């Protein structure tokens, strides 16, 4: 997406969201003592670090926990859960877009520690483009996070299961990148948010076949050797395939 168009869209979105931001700030203030915003280092284009903007969704007091926020993470306060479910906590990243640190569509930026620890040479290619507010991988993680982690909430489970799947989808998205494709991803993001409100799960994306082939290629050539046991990742691929088949069967039955 052209930089000028992204800047204009981000500026318009900021104006439109301003009244909601006021309500969000009030909700955070009365829900949990501490600052309204949360800043954290992330790896951007070329591995350059920048500080991301978010609405705070966790208690400000020190609490033990990993770098990945889990589904039932006790560090997240009640109003914060609502913000995370609706992705309103991510909207301050429009400021990062205005600053030229992020794009609207692009691979989601990870914290530098995860990049240093878990990124393979293939993963590092996602740092060739600006990180984004949304992407194919992040939408799939939002809609199928429980499937990707299989009920195991830990940094290790995320890096060994969810992360390769996210990056495979983002790699496919990078290969097909264009203005029209970016708009498709934005539309899918809006659809996923609507389905979340309606308590419905979105389908496995059409790009999954290509992404699955990528993950299997990475496994077979030993990209993850010495990093983690790939057996859970292989099982995850089968679960996604079963989920995809189940969705198609359900649609087919509904048309009869």
Protein backbone atom coordinates (compact mmCIF):
# COMPACT_ATOMS: atom_id res chain seq x y z
CA UNK A 1 0.00 0.00 0.00
CA UNK A 2 1.49 3.39 -0.95
CA UNK A 3 2.93 5.29 2.02
CA UNK A 4 0.85 8.42 1.33
CA UNK A 5 -2.38 6.39 1.24
CA UNK A 6 -1.45 4.64 4.49
CA UNK A 7 -0.73 7.98 6.16
CA UNK A 8 -4.08 9.43 5.06
CA UNK A 9 -6.04 6.34 6.11
CA UNK A 10 -4.30 6.23 9.50
CA UNK A 11 -4.99 9.94 10.07
CA UNK A 12 -8.67 9.54 9.19
CA UNK A 13 -8.96 6.48 11.43
CA UNK A 14 -7.43 8.43 14.32
CA UNK A 15 -10.03 11.19 13.95
CA UNK A 16 -12.87 8.65 13.73
CA UNK A 17 -11.63 6.70 16.76
CA UNK A 18 -10.91 9.72 18.98
CA UNK A 19 -14.27 9.58 20.86
CA UNK A 20 -13.84 5.83 21.42
CA UNK A 21 -10.31 6.38 22.69
CA UNK A 22 -11.65 8.76 25.33
CA UNK A 23 -14.05 6.06 26.56
CA UNK A 24 -11.30 3.43 26.46
CA UNK A 25 -8.96 5.66 28.48
CA UNK A 26 -11.68 6.19 31.09
CA UNK A 27 -12.40 2.46 31.25
CA UNK A 28 -8.72 1.64 31.81
CA UNK A 29 -8.37 4.34 34.47
CA UNK A 30 -11.29 3.03 36.53
CA UNK A 31 -10.40 -0.64 36.00
CA UNK A 32 -6.75 -0.73 36.93
CA UNK A 33 -4.38 1.86 38.42
CA UNK A 34 -1.58 2.85 36.08
CA UNK A 35 -0.93 4.48 32.72
CA UNK A 36 -3.45 4.33 29.88
CA UNK A 37 -0.90 3.40 27.25
CA UNK A 38 1.63 0.58 27.11
CA UNK A 39 4.93 0.84 25.21
CA UNK A 40 7.10 -2.12 24.27
CA UNK A 41 10.14 -2.70 22.07
CA UNK A 42 9.44 -4.58 18.83
CA UNK A 43 11.56 -5.59 15.85
CA UNK A 44 10.72 -3.61 12.75
CA UNK A 45 11.97 -3.55 9.19
CA UNK A 46 15.53 -4.77 8.93
CA UNK A 47 15.47 -5.75 12.60
CA UNK A 48 15.46 -2.10 13.69
CA UNK A 49 13.81 -1.78 17.09
CA UNK A 50 10.97 0.64 17.73
CA UNK A 51 8.48 1.12 20.52
CA UNK A 52 4.94 0.03 19.79
CA UNK A 53 1.85 1.81 21.12
CA UNK A 54 -0.98 -0.11 22.79
CA UNK A 55 -3.73 0.54 25.27
CA UNK A 56 -2.72 -1.12 28.53
CA UNK A 57 -4.70 -4.29 29.20
CA UNK A 58 -2.66 -5.76 32.08
CA UNK A 59 -2.28 -4.72 35.69
CA UNK A 60 0.65 -2.35 36.12
CA UNK A 61 1.91 -4.14 39.23
CA UNK A 62 4.71 -6.69 38.65
CA UNK A 63 3.20 -10.13 38.01
CA UNK A 64 5.01 -13.32 36.93
CA UNK A 65 4.34 -14.46 33.39
CA UNK A 66 5.85 -15.01 29.96
CA UNK A 67 6.16 -12.59 27.07
CA UNK A 68 3.14 -14.13 25.32
CA UNK A 69 -0.26 -13.17 26.71
CA UNK A 70 -2.37 -16.29 27.09
CA UNK A 71 -6.12 -16.71 26.68
CA UNK A 72 -6.89 -16.72 30.42
CA UNK A 73 -3.85 -14.75 31.53
CA UNK A 74 -4.44 -13.53 35.11
CA UNK A 75 -2.36 -10.43 34.38
CA UNK A 76 -5.14 -9.07 32.14
CA UNK A 77 -7.89 -7.13 33.92
CA UNK A 78 -11.56 -7.52 32.92
CA UNK A 79 -11.90 -4.39 30.79
CA UNK A 80 -8.56 -5.28 29.23
CA UNK A 81 -10.02 -8.60 28.07
CA UNK A 82 -12.74 -6.70 26.23
CA UNK A 83 -10.15 -4.46 24.58
CA UNK A 84 -8.11 -7.47 23.50
CA UNK A 85 -11.14 -9.36 22.18
CA UNK A 86 -12.18 -6.39 20.02
CA UNK A 87 -8.58 -5.43 19.16
CA UNK A 88 -9.20 -1.89 20.36
CA UNK A 89 -5.99 -2.23 22.37
CA UNK A 90 -4.04 -2.33 19.09
CA UNK A 91 -5.54 0.83 17.55
CA UNK A 92 -2.91 3.19 19.06
CA UNK A 93 -0.51 1.64 16.57
CA UNK A 94 -2.02 4.06 14.09
CA UNK A 95 0.51 6.42 15.69
CA UNK A 96 3.30 4.03 14.65
CA UNK A 97 1.89 4.07 11.12
CA UNK A 98 1.90 7.87 11.05
CA UNK A 99 5.52 7.81 12.26
CA UNK A 100 6.49 5.48 9.42
CA UNK A 101 7.43 2.63 11.77
CA UNK A 102 4.59 0.35 10.70
CA UNK A 103 2.26 -0.27 7.79
CA UNK A 104 -1.44 -1.07 7.79
CA UNK A 105 -0.81 -4.55 6.35
CA UNK A 106 2.36 -6.48 7.09
CA UNK A 107 3.77 -9.19 9.38
CA UNK A 108 3.04 -8.40 13.01
CA UNK A 109 6.16 -7.18 14.86
CA UNK A 110 7.55 -9.55 17.48
CA UNK A 111 9.51 -8.62 20.58
CA UNK A 112 13.30 -8.70 19.93
CA UNK A 113 13.85 -11.58 22.35
CA UNK A 114 11.60 -13.87 20.30
CA UNK A 115 13.29 -12.78 17.08
CA UNK A 116 16.74 -13.51 18.53
CA UNK A 117 15.68 -16.83 20.00
CA UNK A 118 13.23 -18.31 17.51
CA UNK A 119 13.66 -16.73 14.08
CA UNK A 120 15.22 -18.96 11.43
CA UNK A 121 16.77 -17.49 8.24
CA UNK A 122 13.39 -18.03 6.51
CA UNK A 123 11.57 -16.22 9.32
CA UNK A 124 13.98 -13.28 9.12
CA UNK A 125 12.77 -12.56 5.58
CA UNK A 126 9.56 -11.19 7.08
CA UNK A 127 11.72 -8.34 8.41
CA UNK A 128 12.36 -7.22 4.81
CA UNK A 129 9.06 -5.32 4.84
CA UNK A 130 7.53 -2.93 7.39
CA UNK A 131 5.59 -4.65 10.19
CA UNK A 132 1.84 -4.20 10.01
CA UNK A 133 -1.26 -3.60 12.05
CA UNK A 134 -2.78 -6.73 10.53
CA UNK A 135 -1.74 -9.63 8.30
CA UNK A 136 -2.85 -13.05 7.10
CA UNK A 137 -0.93 -14.68 9.95
CA UNK A 138 -2.22 -12.38 12.68
CA UNK A 139 -5.84 -12.78 11.57
CA UNK A 140 -5.48 -16.57 11.64
CA UNK A 141 -3.88 -16.43 15.09
CA UNK A 142 -6.73 -14.19 16.29
CA UNK A 143 -9.41 -16.58 15.03
CA UNK A 144 -7.67 -19.91 15.65
CA UNK A 145 -5.28 -19.20 18.54
CA UNK A 146 -6.80 -21.93 20.69
CA UNK A 147 -6.22 -24.45 17.89
CA UNK A 148 -2.64 -23.28 17.30
CA UNK A 149 -1.65 -23.52 20.96
CA UNK A 150 -3.77 -26.63 21.68
CA UNK A 151 -4.53 -25.46 25.20
CA UNK A 152 -0.85 -25.02 26.13
CA UNK A 153 -0.16 -21.45 27.23
CA UNK A 154 3.57 -20.79 27.16
CA UNK A 155 6.24 -18.98 25.19
CA UNK A 156 7.67 -22.35 24.17
CA UNK A 157 4.35 -23.56 22.74
CA UNK A 158 3.90 -20.29 20.86
CA UNK A 159 7.37 -20.44 19.30
CA UNK A 160 7.12 -24.12 18.39
CA UNK A 161 3.57 -24.14 17.02
CA UNK A 162 1.82 -20.84 16.45
CA UNK A 163 4.82 -18.81 15.27
CA UNK A 164 5.79 -21.03 12.29
CA UNK A 165 2.17 -21.06 11.11
CA UNK A 166 1.82 -17.29 11.44
CA UNK A 167 5.07 -16.63 9.60
CA UNK A 168 4.21 -19.10 6.83
CA UNK A 169 0.96 -17.26 6.16
CA UNK A 170 2.72 -13.89 6.33
CA UNK A 171 5.35 -15.16 3.88
CA UNK A 172 2.59 -16.11 1.44
CA UNK A 173 1.06 -12.68 1.96
CA UNK A 174 4.39 -10.99 1.18
CA UNK A 175 4.67 -12.93 -2.07
CA UNK A 176 1.23 -11.75 -3.20
CA UNK A 177 1.49 -8.23 -1.88
CA UNK A 178 -0.41 -5.52 -3.79
CA UNK A 179 -2.88 -2.77 -2.99
CA UNK A 180 -5.82 -5.04 -3.82
CA UNK A 181 -4.45 -7.86 -1.63
CA UNK A 182 -3.88 -5.43 1.24
CA UNK A 183 -7.50 -4.36 1.01
CA UNK A 184 -8.56 -8.02 1.07
CA UNK A 185 -6.58 -8.54 4.29
CA UNK A 186 -8.19 -5.45 5.84
CA UNK A 187 -11.59 -6.83 4.87
CA UNK A 188 -10.78 -10.22 6.40
CA UNK A 189 -9.69 -8.50 9.58
CA UNK A 190 -13.03 -6.69 9.82
CA UNK A 191 -14.85 -9.97 9.14
CA UNK A 192 -12.87 -11.77 11.84
CA UNK A 193 -13.76 -9.06 14.37
CA UNK A 194 -17.43 -9.34 13.43
CA UNK A 195 -17.32 -13.13 13.79
CA UNK A 196 -15.69 -12.70 17.20
CA UNK A 197 -18.62 -10.52 18.31
CA UNK A 198 -21.06 -13.11 16.93
CA UNK A 199 -19.06 -15.91 18.63
CA UNK A 200 -18.38 -17.62 15.29
CA UNK A 201 -15.06 -19.00 14.06
CA UNK A 202 -13.78 -17.85 10.68
CA UNK A 203 -12.81 -20.42 8.06
CA UNK A 204 -9.23 -21.48 7.44
CA UNK A 205 -7.86 -18.98 4.86
CA UNK A 206 -7.58 -20.00 1.22
CA UNK A 207 -3.82 -19.40 1.35
CA UNK A 208 -3.39 -22.15 3.93
CA UNK A 209 -2.43 -24.84 1.38
CA UNK A 210 0.58 -22.83 0.25
CA UNK A 211 1.46 -21.91 3.84
CA UNK A 212 1.23 -25.53 4.98
CA UNK A 213 3.58 -26.59 2.19
CA UNK A 214 6.05 -23.96 3.40
CA UNK A 215 5.96 -25.21 6.99
CA UNK A 216 6.47 -28.81 5.88
CA UNK A 217 9.40 -27.73 3.70
CA UNK A 218 10.99 -25.96 6.68
CA UNK A 219 10.55 -29.10 8.80
CA UNK A 220 11.99 -31.45 6.20
CA UNK A 221 15.10 -29.38 5.54
CA UNK A 222 15.82 -29.13 9.27
CA UNK A 223 15.17 -25.43 9.89
CA UNK A 224 13.94 -26.20 13.41
CA UNK A 225 16.56 -28.79 14.30
CA UNK A 226 18.02 -28.04 17.71
CA UNK A 227 15.31 -25.46 18.40
CA UNK A 228 12.32 -27.62 19.30
CA UNK A 229 10.69 -31.00 18.74
CA UNK A 230 8.70 -30.76 15.51
CA UNK A 231 6.23 -33.54 16.41
CA UNK A 232 3.71 -31.08 17.98
CA UNK A 233 4.00 -28.85 14.92
CA UNK A 234 3.29 -31.80 12.62
CA UNK A 235 0.23 -32.66 14.71
CA UNK A 236 -0.88 -29.05 14.53
CA UNK A 237 -0.77 -29.15 10.73
CA UNK A 238 -3.04 -32.19 10.80
CA UNK A 239 -5.47 -30.46 13.18
CA UNK A 240 -5.67 -27.44 10.89
CA UNK A 241 -6.28 -29.71 7.91
CA UNK A 242 -9.03 -31.50 9.83
CA UNK A 243 -10.55 -28.15 10.80
CA UNK A 244 -10.42 -27.02 7.16
CA UNK A 245 -12.08 -30.25 5.99
CA UNK A 246 -14.76 -29.94 8.69
CA UNK A 247 -15.58 -26.39 7.62
CA UNK A 248 -15.94 -27.41 3.99
CA UNK A 249 -18.12 -30.38 4.91
CA UNK A 250 -20.36 -28.13 7.01
CA UNK A 251 -20.76 -25.64 4.14
CA UNK A 252 -21.46 -28.44 1.68
CA UNK A 253 -24.12 -29.95 3.95
CA UNK A 254 -25.75 -26.57 4.42
CA UNK A 255 -26.19 -26.17 0.67
CA UNK A 256 -28.13 -29.40 0.22
